Amino acid sequence: KKDTPPAIDPTFTKFYLSASNNPGLTTEVTGVIEGKEIALRIPNS
């Protein structure tokens, strides 16, 4: 039998808000990925 590699679930490796794509941001905002949850702290602006 052919040895097939184990299936690897696709994942987010990084989730963020770029200042260049989002007016009102001055710096990049990076999300925290824990398991299947992403937490993102967004500035009030």
All heavy atoms as atom14 arrays in JSON, in Angstrom:
{
  "sequence": "KKDTPPAIDPTFTKFYLSASNNPGLTTEVTGVIEGKEIALRIPNS",
  "atom14_mask": [
    [1, 1, 1, 1, 1, 1, 1, 1, 1, 0, 0, 0, 0, 0],
    [1, 1, 1, 1, 1, 1, 1, 1, 1, 0, 0, 0, 0, 0],
    [1, 1, 1, 1, 1, 1, 1, 1, 0, 0, 0, 0, 0, 0],
    [1, 1, 1, 1, 1, 1, 1, 0, 0, 0, 0, 0, 0, 0],
    [1, 1, 1, 1, 1, 1, 1, 0, 0, 0, 0, 0, 0, 0],
    [1, 1, 1, 1, 1, 1, 1, 0, 0, 0, 0, 0, 0, 0],
    [1, 1, 1, 1, 1, 0, 0, 0, 0, 0, 0, 0, 0, 0],
    [1, 1, 1, 1, 1, 1, 1, 1, 0, 0, 0, 0, 0, 0],
    [1, 1, 1, 1, 1, 1, 1, 1, 0, 0, 0, 0, 0, 0],
    [1, 1, 1, 1, 1, 1, 1, 0, 0, 0, 0, 0, 0, 0],
    [1, 1, 1, 1, 1, 1, 1, 0, 0, 0, 0, 0, 0, 0],
    [1, 1, 1, 1, 1, 1, 1, 1, 1, 1, 1, 0, 0, 0],
    [1, 1, 1, 1, 1, 1, 1, 0, 0, 0, 0, 0, 0, 0],
    [1, 1, 1, 1, 1, 1, 1, 1, 1, 0, 0, 0, 0, 0],
    [1, 1, 1, 1, 1, 1, 1, 1, 1, 1, 1, 0, 0, 0],
    [1, 1, 1, 1, 1, 1, 1, 1, 1, 1, 1, 1, 0, 0],
    [1, 1, 1, 1, 1, 1, 1, 1, 0, 0, 0, 0, 0, 0],
    [1, 1, 1, 1, 1, 1, 0, 0, 0, 0, 0, 0, 0, 0],
    [1, 1, 1, 1, 1, 0, 0, 0, 0, 0, 0, 0, 0, 0],
    [1, 1, 1, 1, 1, 1, 0, 0, 0, 0, 0, 0, 0, 0],
    [1, 1, 1, 1, 1, 1, 1, 1, 0, 0, 0, 0, 0, 0],
    [1, 1, 1, 1, 1, 1, 1, 1, 0, 0, 0, 0, 0, 0],
    [1, 1, 1, 1, 1, 1, 1, 0, 0, 0, 0, 0, 0, 0],
    [1, 1, 1, 1, 0, 0, 0, 0, 0, 0, 0, 0, 0, 0],
    [1, 1, 1, 1, 1, 1, 1, 1, 0, 0, 0, 0, 0, 0],
    [1, 1, 1, 1, 1, 1, 1, 0, 0, 0, 0, 0, 0, 0],
    [1, 1, 1, 1, 1, 1, 1, 0, 0, 0, 0, 0, 0, 0],
    [1, 1, 1, 1, 1, 1, 1, 1, 1, 0, 0, 0, 0, 0],
    [1, 1, 1, 1, 1, 1, 1, 0, 0, 0, 0, 0, 0, 0],
    [1, 1, 1, 1, 1, 1, 1, 0, 0, 0, 0, 0, 0, 0],
    [1, 1, 1, 1, 0, 0, 0, 0, 0, 0, 0, 0, 0, 0],
    [1, 1, 1, 1, 1, 1, 1, 0, 0, 0, 0, 0, 0, 0],
    [1, 1, 1, 1, 1, 1, 1, 1, 0, 0, 0, 0, 0, 0],
    [1, 1, 1, 1, 1, 1, 1, 1, 1, 0, 0, 0, 0, 0],
    [1, 1, 1, 1, 0, 0, 0, 0, 0, 0, 0, 0, 0, 0],
    [1, 1, 1, 1, 1, 1, 1, 1, 1, 0, 0, 0, 0, 0],
    [1, 1, 1, 1, 1, 1, 1, 1, 1, 0, 0, 0, 0, 0],
    [1, 1, 1, 1, 1, 1, 1, 1, 0, 0, 0, 0, 0, 0],
    [1, 1, 1, 1, 1, 0, 0, 0, 0, 0, 0, 0, 0, 0],
    [1, 1, 1, 1, 1, 1, 1, 1, 0, 0, 0, 0, 0, 0],
    [1, 1, 1, 1, 1, 1, 1, 1, 1, 1, 1, 0, 0, 0],
    [1, 1, 1, 1, 1, 1, 1, 1, 0, 0, 0, 0, 0, 0],
    [1, 1, 1, 1, 1, 1, 1, 0, 0, 0, 0, 0, 0, 0],
    [1, 1, 1, 1, 1, 1, 1, 1, 0, 0, 0, 0, 0, 0],
    [1, 1, 1, 1, 1, 1, 0, 0, 0, 0, 0, 0, 0, 0]
  ],
  "atom14_positions": [
    [[0.85, -1.18, 0.0], [0.0, 0.0, 0.0], [0.88, 1.23, 0.0], [1.95, 1.26, 0.61], [-0.9, 0.03, 1.25], [-2.03, -0.93, 1.2], [-2.92, -0.7, 2.41], [-4.13, -1.59, 2.35], [-5.01, -1.35, 3.49], [0.0, 0.0, 0.0], [0.0, 0.0, 0.0], [0.0, 0.0, 0.0], [0.0, 0.0, 0.0], [0.0, 0.0, 0.0]],
    [[0.4, 2.26, -0.69], [1.14, 3.52, -0.68], [1.0, 4.16, 0.69], [-0.06, 4.18, 1.28], [0.57, 4.48, -1.74], [0.84, 4.06, -3.14], [0.29, 5.1, -4.09], [0.55, 4.7, -5.53], [0.0, 5.68, -6.46], [0.0, 0.0, 0.0], [0.0, 0.0, 0.0], [0.0, 0.0, 0.0], [0.0, 0.0, 0.0], [0.0, 0.0, 0.0]],
    [[2.1, 4.68, 1.16], [2.07, 5.4, 2.43], [1.58, 6.81, 2.15], [2.26, 7.61, 1.51], [3.46, 5.46, 3.07], [3.91, 4.1, 3.57], [3.03, 3.28, 3.89], [5.12, 3.85, 3.62], [0.0, 0.0, 0.0], [0.0, 0.0, 0.0], [0.0, 0.0, 0.0], [0.0, 0.0, 0.0], [0.0, 0.0, 0.0], [0.0, 0.0, 0.0]],
    [[0.38, 7.11, 2.61], [-0.15, 8.45, 2.44], [0.14, 9.26, 3.69], [0.0, 8.76, 4.81], [-1.68, 8.42, 2.19], [-2.31, 7.74, 3.26], [-2.0, 7.72, 0.88], [0.0, 0.0, 0.0], [0.0, 0.0, 0.0], [0.0, 0.0, 0.0], [0.0, 0.0, 0.0], [0.0, 0.0, 0.0], [0.0, 0.0, 0.0], [0.0, 0.0, 0.0]],
    [[0.55, 10.49, 3.51], [0.83, 11.31, 4.69], [-0.47, 11.57, 5.45], [-1.54, 11.62, 4.86], [1.39, 12.6, 4.1], [0.93, 12.63, 2.7], [0.74, 11.21, 2.27], [0.0, 0.0, 0.0], [0.0, 0.0, 0.0], [0.0, 0.0, 0.0], [0.0, 0.0, 0.0], [0.0, 0.0, 0.0], [0.0, 0.0, 0.0], [0.0, 0.0, 0.0]],
    [[-0.38, 11.72, 6.76], [-1.59, 11.99, 7.54], [-2.19, 13.32, 7.12], [-1.49, 14.27, 6.79], [-1.08, 12.04, 8.98], [0.38, 12.31, 8.88], [0.82, 11.72, 7.57], [0.0, 0.0, 0.0], [0.0, 0.0, 0.0], [0.0, 0.0, 0.0], [0.0, 0.0, 0.0], [0.0, 0.0, 0.0], [0.0, 0.0, 0.0], [0.0, 0.0, 0.0]],
    [[-3.52, 13.36, 7.13], [-4.22, 14.6, 6.76], [-3.98, 15.66, 7.82], [-4.11, 15.41, 9.01], [-5.71, 14.33, 6.6], [0.0, 0.0, 0.0], [0.0, 0.0, 0.0], [0.0, 0.0, 0.0], [0.0, 0.0, 0.0], [0.0, 0.0, 0.0], [0.0, 0.0, 0.0], [0.0, 0.0, 0.0], [0.0, 0.0, 0.0], [0.0, 0.0, 0.0]],
    [[-3.62, 16.83, 7.38], [-3.38, 17.94, 8.29], [-4.47, 18.98, 8.04], [-4.66, 19.43, 6.92], [-2.0, 18.57, 8.05], [-0.91, 17.54, 8.3], [-1.8, 19.8, 8.92], [0.47, 17.98, 7.9], [0.0, 0.0, 0.0], [0.0, 0.0, 0.0], [0.0, 0.0, 0.0], [0.0, 0.0, 0.0], [0.0, 0.0, 0.0], [0.0, 0.0, 0.0]],
    [[-5.21, 19.32, 9.09], [-6.27, 20.31, 8.96], [-5.66, 21.66, 8.62], [-4.63, 22.05, 9.18], [-7.07, 20.42, 10.25], [-7.98, 19.23, 10.48], [-8.3, 18.54, 9.49], [-8.37, 19.0, 11.63], [0.0, 0.0, 0.0], [0.0, 0.0, 0.0], [0.0, 0.0, 0.0], [0.0, 0.0, 0.0], [0.0, 0.0, 0.0], [0.0, 0.0, 0.0]],
    [[-6.3, 22.4, 7.72], [-5.79, 23.74, 7.41], [-5.95, 24.67, 8.61], [-6.89, 24.51, 9.4], [-6.67, 24.19, 6.23], [-7.88, 23.33, 6.31], [-7.49, 22.05, 6.96], [0.0, 0.0, 0.0], [0.0, 0.0, 0.0], [0.0, 0.0, 0.0], [0.0, 0.0, 0.0], [0.0, 0.0, 0.0], [0.0, 0.0, 0.0], [0.0, 0.0, 0.0]],
    [[-5.03, 25.6, 8.76], [-5.04, 26.49, 9.92], [-4.72, 27.93, 9.53], [-4.1, 28.18, 8.5], [-3.98, 26.06, 10.96], [-2.69, 26.08, 10.33], [-4.25, 24.69, 11.51], [0.0, 0.0, 0.0], [0.0, 0.0, 0.0], [0.0, 0.0, 0.0], [0.0, 0.0, 0.0], [0.0, 0.0, 0.0], [0.0, 0.0, 0.0], [0.0, 0.0, 0.0]],
    [[-5.13, 28.85, 10.4], [-4.66, 30.22, 10.31], [-3.3, 30.24, 11.01], [-3.19, 29.8, 12.15], [-5.59, 31.2, 11.04], [-6.81, 31.6, 10.25], [-8.07, 31.24, 10.68], [-6.68, 32.33, 9.09], [-9.19, 31.62, 9.97], [-7.8, 32.71, 8.37], [-9.06, 32.36, 8.8], [0.0, 0.0, 0.0], [0.0, 0.0, 0.0], [0.0, 0.0, 0.0]],
    [[-2.28, 30.75, 10.35], [-0.98, 30.9, 11.01], [-0.8, 32.32, 11.53], [-0.01, 32.54, 12.44], [0.17, 30.54, 10.05], [0.07, 31.33, 8.87], [0.12, 29.06, 9.69], [0.0, 0.0, 0.0], [0.0, 0.0, 0.0], [0.0, 0.0, 0.0], [0.0, 0.0, 0.0], [0.0, 0.0, 0.0], [0.0, 0.0, 0.0], [0.0, 0.0, 0.0]],
    [[-1.57, 33.26, 10.95], [-1.53, 34.65, 11.41], [-2.84, 35.31, 11.0], [-3.36, 35.07, 9.91], [-0.35, 35.4, 10.79], [-0.18, 36.82, 11.32], [1.06, 37.49, 10.76], [1.22, 38.89, 11.34], [2.38, 39.59, 10.77], [0.0, 0.0, 0.0], [0.0, 0.0, 0.0], [0.0, 0.0, 0.0], [0.0, 0.0, 0.0], [0.0, 0.0, 0.0]],
    [[-3.38, 36.13, 11.89], [-4.61, 36.89, 11.62], [-4.36, 38.29, 12.15], [-4.05, 38.46, 13.33], [-5.8, 36.24, 12.32], [-7.12, 36.66, 11.73], [-7.76, 35.86, 10.81], [-7.7, 37.86, 12.09], [-8.97, 36.24, 10.25], [-8.9, 38.25, 11.54], [-9.55, 37.44, 10.61], [0.0, 0.0, 0.0], [0.0, 0.0, 0.0], [0.0, 0.0, 0.0]],
    [[-4.5, 39.31, 11.29], [-4.16, 40.66, 11.72], [-4.91, 41.71, 10.9], [-5.54, 41.41, 9.89], [-2.65, 40.89, 11.6], [-2.1, 40.74, 10.19], [-1.81, 41.86, 9.43], [-1.87, 39.49, 9.64], [-1.31, 41.73, 8.14], [-1.37, 39.35, 8.36], [-1.09, 40.48, 7.6], [-0.6, 40.35, 6.33], [0.0, 0.0, 0.0], [0.0, 0.0, 0.0]],
    [[-4.84, 42.94, 11.38], [-5.38, 44.09, 10.66], [-4.2, 44.97, 10.28], [-3.44, 45.41, 11.14], [-6.36, 44.88, 11.53], [-7.55, 44.12, 12.09], [-8.41, 45.04, 12.94], [-8.37, 43.49, 10.98], [0.0, 0.0, 0.0], [0.0, 0.0, 0.0], [0.0, 0.0, 0.0], [0.0, 0.0, 0.0], [0.0, 0.0, 0.0], [0.0, 0.0, 0.0]],
    [[-4.07, 45.22, 9.01], [-2.99, 46.04, 8.49], [-3.41, 47.51, 8.48], [-4.53, 47.83, 8.08], [-2.63, 45.59, 7.08], [-1.75, 46.49, 6.47], [0.0, 0.0, 0.0], [0.0, 0.0, 0.0], [0.0, 0.0, 0.0], [0.0, 0.0, 0.0], [0.0, 0.0, 0.0], [0.0, 0.0, 0.0], [0.0, 0.0, 0.0], [0.0, 0.0, 0.0]],
    [[-2.52, 48.39, 8.91], [-2.83, 49.83, 8.91], [-3.03, 50.35, 7.5], [-3.85, 51.25, 7.27], [-1.71, 50.6, 9.61], [0.0, 0.0, 0.0], [0.0, 0.0, 0.0], [0.0, 0.0, 0.0], [0.0, 0.0, 0.0], [0.0, 0.0, 0.0], [0.0, 0.0, 0.0], [0.0, 0.0, 0.0], [0.0, 0.0, 0.0], [0.0, 0.0, 0.0]],
    [[-2.37, 49.75, 6.52], [-2.5, 50.21, 5.14], [-3.85, 49.87, 4.52], [-4.31, 50.53, 3.59], [-1.38, 49.64, 4.27], [-1.45, 48.23, 4.24], [0.0, 0.0, 0.0], [0.0, 0.0, 0.0], [0.0, 0.0, 0.0], [0.0, 0.0, 0.0], [0.0, 0.0, 0.0], [0.0, 0.0, 0.0], [0.0, 0.0, 0.0], [0.0, 0.0, 0.0]],
    [[-4.54, 48.84, 5.04], [-5.85, 48.43, 4.5], [-7.03, 48.94, 5.32], [-8.17, 48.78, 4.9], [-5.94, 46.9, 4.43], [-4.94, 46.32, 3.47], [-4.53, 46.96, 2.52], [-4.55, 45.09, 3.72], [0.0, 0.0, 0.0], [0.0, 0.0, 0.0], [0.0, 0.0, 0.0], [0.0, 0.0, 0.0], [0.0, 0.0, 0.0], [0.0, 0.0, 0.0]],
    [[-6.77, 49.51, 6.5], [-7.84, 49.9, 7.41], [-7.64, 51.34, 7.89], [-6.87, 51.59, 8.81], [-7.88, 48.94, 8.61], [-8.26, 47.55, 8.21], [-9.42, 47.28, 7.93], [-7.28, 46.66, 8.17], [0.0, 0.0, 0.0], [0.0, 0.0, 0.0], [0.0, 0.0, 0.0], [0.0, 0.0, 0.0], [0.0, 0.0, 0.0], [0.0, 0.0, 0.0]],
    [[-8.37, 52.29, 7.26], [-8.27, 53.69, 7.71], [-8.68, 53.79, 9.18], [-9.66, 53.2, 9.61], [-9.28, 54.42, 6.82], [-9.48, 53.53, 5.64], [-9.27, 52.13, 6.13], [0.0, 0.0, 0.0], [0.0, 0.0, 0.0], [0.0, 0.0, 0.0], [0.0, 0.0, 0.0], [0.0, 0.0, 0.0], [0.0, 0.0, 0.0], [0.0, 0.0, 0.0]],
    [[-7.91, 54.53, 9.93], [-8.17, 54.66, 11.36], [-7.14, 53.92, 12.19], [-7.04, 54.13, 13.39], [0.0, 0.0, 0.0], [0.0, 0.0, 0.0], [0.0, 0.0, 0.0], [0.0, 0.0, 0.0], [0.0, 0.0, 0.0], [0.0, 0.0, 0.0], [0.0, 0.0, 0.0], [0.0, 0.0, 0.0], [0.0, 0.0, 0.0], [0.0, 0.0, 0.0]],
    [[-6.37, 53.04, 11.56], [-5.3, 52.34, 12.27], [-3.97, 53.01, 11.99], [-3.71, 53.44, 10.86], [-5.2, 50.88, 11.81], [-6.21, 49.88, 12.33], [-5.9, 48.5, 11.78], [-6.25, 49.85, 13.84], [0.0, 0.0, 0.0], [0.0, 0.0, 0.0], [0.0, 0.0, 0.0], [0.0, 0.0, 0.0], [0.0, 0.0, 0.0], [0.0, 0.0, 0.0]],
    [[-3.13, 53.08, 13.01], [-1.79, 53.63, 12.82], [-0.73, 52.54, 12.84], [0.35, 52.72, 12.31], [-1.48, 54.68, 13.89], [-1.65, 54.08, 15.18], [-2.41, 55.88, 13.75], [0.0, 0.0, 0.0], [0.0, 0.0, 0.0], [0.0, 0.0, 0.0], [0.0, 0.0, 0.0], [0.0, 0.0, 0.0], [0.0, 0.0, 0.0], [0.0, 0.0, 0.0]],
    [[-1.06, 51.4, 13.48], [-0.13, 50.27, 13.52], [-0.9, 48.98, 13.28], [-2.14, 48.94, 13.37], [0.58, 50.16, 14.9], [-0.41, 49.96, 15.9], [1.4, 51.39, 15.21], [0.0, 0.0, 0.0], [0.0, 0.0, 0.0], [0.0, 0.0, 0.0], [0.0, 0.0, 0.0], [0.0, 0.0, 0.0], [0.0, 0.0, 0.0], [0.0, 0.0, 0.0]],
    [[-0.17, 47.94, 12.98], [-0.8, 46.63, 12.76], [-1.38, 46.09, 14.07], [-0.79, 46.24, 15.13], [0.26, 45.64, 12.24], [-0.28, 44.27, 11.93], [0.77, 43.35, 11.37], [1.2, 43.56, 10.22], [1.18, 42.41, 12.09], [0.0, 0.0, 0.0], [0.0, 0.0, 0.0], [0.0, 0.0, 0.0], [0.0, 0.0, 0.0], [0.0, 0.0, 0.0]],
    [[-2.56, 45.47, 13.98], [-3.2, 44.85, 15.13], [-3.21, 43.35, 14.88], [-3.78, 42.88, 13.89], [-4.65, 45.36, 15.32], [-5.34, 44.61, 16.45], [-4.67, 46.86, 15.55], [0.0, 0.0, 0.0], [0.0, 0.0, 0.0], [0.0, 0.0, 0.0], [0.0, 0.0, 0.0], [0.0, 0.0, 0.0], [0.0, 0.0, 0.0], [0.0, 0.0, 0.0]],
    [[-2.55, 42.59, 15.75], [-2.42, 41.14, 15.55], [-3.4, 40.4, 16.45], [-3.5, 40.68, 17.65], [-0.98, 40.68, 15.86], [-0.09, 41.41, 15.04], [-0.82, 39.2, 15.59], [0.0, 0.0, 0.0], [0.0, 0.0, 0.0], [0.0, 0.0, 0.0], [0.0, 0.0, 0.0], [0.0, 0.0, 0.0], [0.0, 0.0, 0.0], [0.0, 0.0, 0.0]],
    [[-4.1, 39.43, 15.88], [-5.03, 38.6, 16.64], [-4.31, 37.49, 17.37], [-3.21, 37.08, 16.99], [0.0, 0.0, 0.0], [0.0, 0.0, 0.0], [0.0, 0.0, 0.0], [0.0, 0.0, 0.0], [0.0, 0.0, 0.0], [0.0, 0.0, 0.0], [0.0, 0.0, 0.0], [0.0, 0.0, 0.0], [0.0, 0.0, 0.0], [0.0, 0.0, 0.0]],
    [[-4.95, 37.01, 18.42], [-4.42, 35.89, 19.2], [-5.22, 34.65, 18.81], [-6.44, 34.61, 18.99], [-4.52, 36.16, 20.71], [-4.06, 34.96, 21.5], [-3.73, 37.41, 21.08], [0.0, 0.0, 0.0], [0.0, 0.0, 0.0], [0.0, 0.0, 0.0], [0.0, 0.0, 0.0], [0.0, 0.0, 0.0], [0.0, 0.0, 0.0], [0.0, 0.0, 0.0]],
    [[-4.52, 33.64, 18.29], [-5.16, 32.4, 17.86], [-4.94, 31.35, 18.94], [-3.8, 31.0, 19.25], [-4.59, 31.91, 16.51], [-4.74, 33.0, 15.45], [-5.26, 30.62, 16.08], [-3.98, 32.72, 14.16], [0.0, 0.0, 0.0], [0.0, 0.0, 0.0], [0.0, 0.0, 0.0], [0.0, 0.0, 0.0], [0.0, 0.0, 0.0], [0.0, 0.0, 0.0]],
    [[-6.05, 30.87, 19.52], [-5.98, 29.82, 20.54], [-6.99, 28.74, 20.14], [-8.2, 28.98, 20.22], [-6.29, 30.36, 21.92], [-5.2, 31.25, 22.47], [-5.48, 31.72, 23.88], [-6.51, 31.32, 24.47], [-4.67, 32.5, 24.4], [0.0, 0.0, 0.0], [0.0, 0.0, 0.0], [0.0, 0.0, 0.0], [0.0, 0.0, 0.0], [0.0, 0.0, 0.0]],
    [[-6.48, 27.6, 19.73], [-7.37, 26.54, 19.26], [-8.08, 26.99, 18.01], [-7.46, 27.38, 17.03], [0.0, 0.0, 0.0], [0.0, 0.0, 0.0], [0.0, 0.0, 0.0], [0.0, 0.0, 0.0], [0.0, 0.0, 0.0], [0.0, 0.0, 0.0], [0.0, 0.0, 0.0], [0.0, 0.0, 0.0], [0.0, 0.0, 0.0], [0.0, 0.0, 0.0]],
    [[-9.4, 27.0, 18.05], [-10.22, 27.42, 16.91], [-10.86, 28.78, 17.14], [-11.84, 29.13, 16.53], [-11.31, 26.37, 16.61], [-10.76, 25.0, 16.28], [-10.02, 25.01, 14.97], [-9.54, 23.61, 14.64], [-8.78, 23.56, 13.43], [0.0, 0.0, 0.0], [0.0, 0.0, 0.0], [0.0, 0.0, 0.0], [0.0, 0.0, 0.0], [0.0, 0.0, 0.0]],
    [[-10.3, 29.55, 18.07], [-10.79, 30.89, 18.4], [-9.72, 31.93, 18.08], [-8.54, 31.71, 18.31], [-11.13, 30.99, 19.89], [-12.17, 30.0, 20.37], [-13.57, 30.4, 19.98], [-13.86, 31.62, 19.94], [-14.39, 29.51, 19.72], [0.0, 0.0, 0.0], [0.0, 0.0, 0.0], [0.0, 0.0, 0.0], [0.0, 0.0, 0.0], [0.0, 0.0, 0.0]],
    [[-10.17, 33.07, 17.56], [-9.27, 34.19, 17.28], [-9.82, 35.39, 18.04], [-10.98, 35.75, 17.9], [-9.21, 34.53, 15.79], [-8.79, 33.3, 14.98], [-8.25, 35.7, 15.53], [-8.98, 33.47, 13.49], [0.0, 0.0, 0.0], [0.0, 0.0, 0.0], [0.0, 0.0, 0.0], [0.0, 0.0, 0.0], [0.0, 0.0, 0.0], [0.0, 0.0, 0.0]],
    [[-8.98, 36.01, 18.87], [-9.36, 37.22, 19.62], [-8.6, 38.39, 19.01], [-7.39, 38.33, 18.81], [-9.03, 37.06, 21.09], [0.0, 0.0, 0.0], [0.0, 0.0, 0.0], [0.0, 0.0, 0.0], [0.0, 0.0, 0.0], [0.0, 0.0, 0.0], [0.0, 0.0, 0.0], [0.0, 0.0, 0.0], [0.0, 0.0, 0.0], [0.0, 0.0, 0.0]],
    [[-9.32, 39.46, 18.73], [-8.73, 40.62, 18.08], [-9.14, 41.87, 18.84], [-10.33, 42.16, 18.99], [-9.25, 40.68, 16.64], [-8.55, 41.57, 15.64], [-7.09, 41.18, 15.47], [-9.25, 41.45, 14.29], [0.0, 0.0, 0.0], [0.0, 0.0, 0.0], [0.0, 0.0, 0.0], [0.0, 0.0, 0.0], [0.0, 0.0, 0.0], [0.0, 0.0, 0.0]],
    [[-8.18, 42.61, 19.4], [-8.44, 43.86, 20.13], [-8.38, 45.01, 19.13], [-7.32, 45.28, 18.57], [-7.39, 44.08, 21.21], [-7.6, 43.22, 22.39], [-8.33, 44.07, 23.4], [-8.59, 43.27, 24.57], [-9.67, 43.4, 25.28], [-10.57, 44.29, 24.97], [-9.87, 42.66, 26.33], [0.0, 0.0, 0.0], [0.0, 0.0, 0.0], [0.0, 0.0, 0.0]],
    [[-9.51, 45.65, 18.92], [-9.6, 46.7, 17.9], [-9.64, 48.07, 18.56], [-10.44, 48.31, 19.46], [-10.84, 46.48, 17.03], [-10.72, 45.14, 16.32], [-11.03, 47.61, 16.05], [-11.84, 44.8, 15.4], [0.0, 0.0, 0.0], [0.0, 0.0, 0.0], [0.0, 0.0, 0.0], [0.0, 0.0, 0.0], [0.0, 0.0, 0.0], [0.0, 0.0, 0.0]],
    [[-8.81, 48.99, 18.09], [-8.83, 50.35, 18.63], [-10.16, 51.03, 18.35], [-10.84, 50.72, 17.36], [-7.71, 51.06, 17.87], [-6.87, 49.99, 17.31], [-7.75, 48.8, 17.11], [0.0, 0.0, 0.0], [0.0, 0.0, 0.0], [0.0, 0.0, 0.0], [0.0, 0.0, 0.0], [0.0, 0.0, 0.0], [0.0, 0.0, 0.0], [0.0, 0.0, 0.0]],
    [[-10.53, 51.95, 19.2], [-11.81, 52.66, 19.06], [-11.87, 53.52, 17.8], [-12.95, 53.88, 17.35], [-12.06, 53.53, 20.3], [-12.26, 52.66, 21.52], [-12.84, 51.59, 21.44], [-11.75, 53.12, 22.65], [0.0, 0.0, 0.0], [0.0, 0.0, 0.0], [0.0, 0.0, 0.0], [0.0, 0.0, 0.0], [0.0, 0.0, 0.0], [0.0, 0.0, 0.0]],
    [[-10.73, 53.84, 17.21], [-10.7, 54.69, 16.03], [-11.14, 53.97, 14.75], [-11.35, 54.6, 13.73], [-9.28, 55.23, 15.82], [-8.38, 54.14, 15.63], [0.0, 0.0, 0.0], [0.0, 0.0, 0.0], [0.0, 0.0, 0.0], [0.0, 0.0, 0.0], [0.0, 0.0, 0.0], [0.0, 0.0, 0.0], [0.0, 0.0, 0.0], [0.0, 0.0, 0.0]]
  ]
}
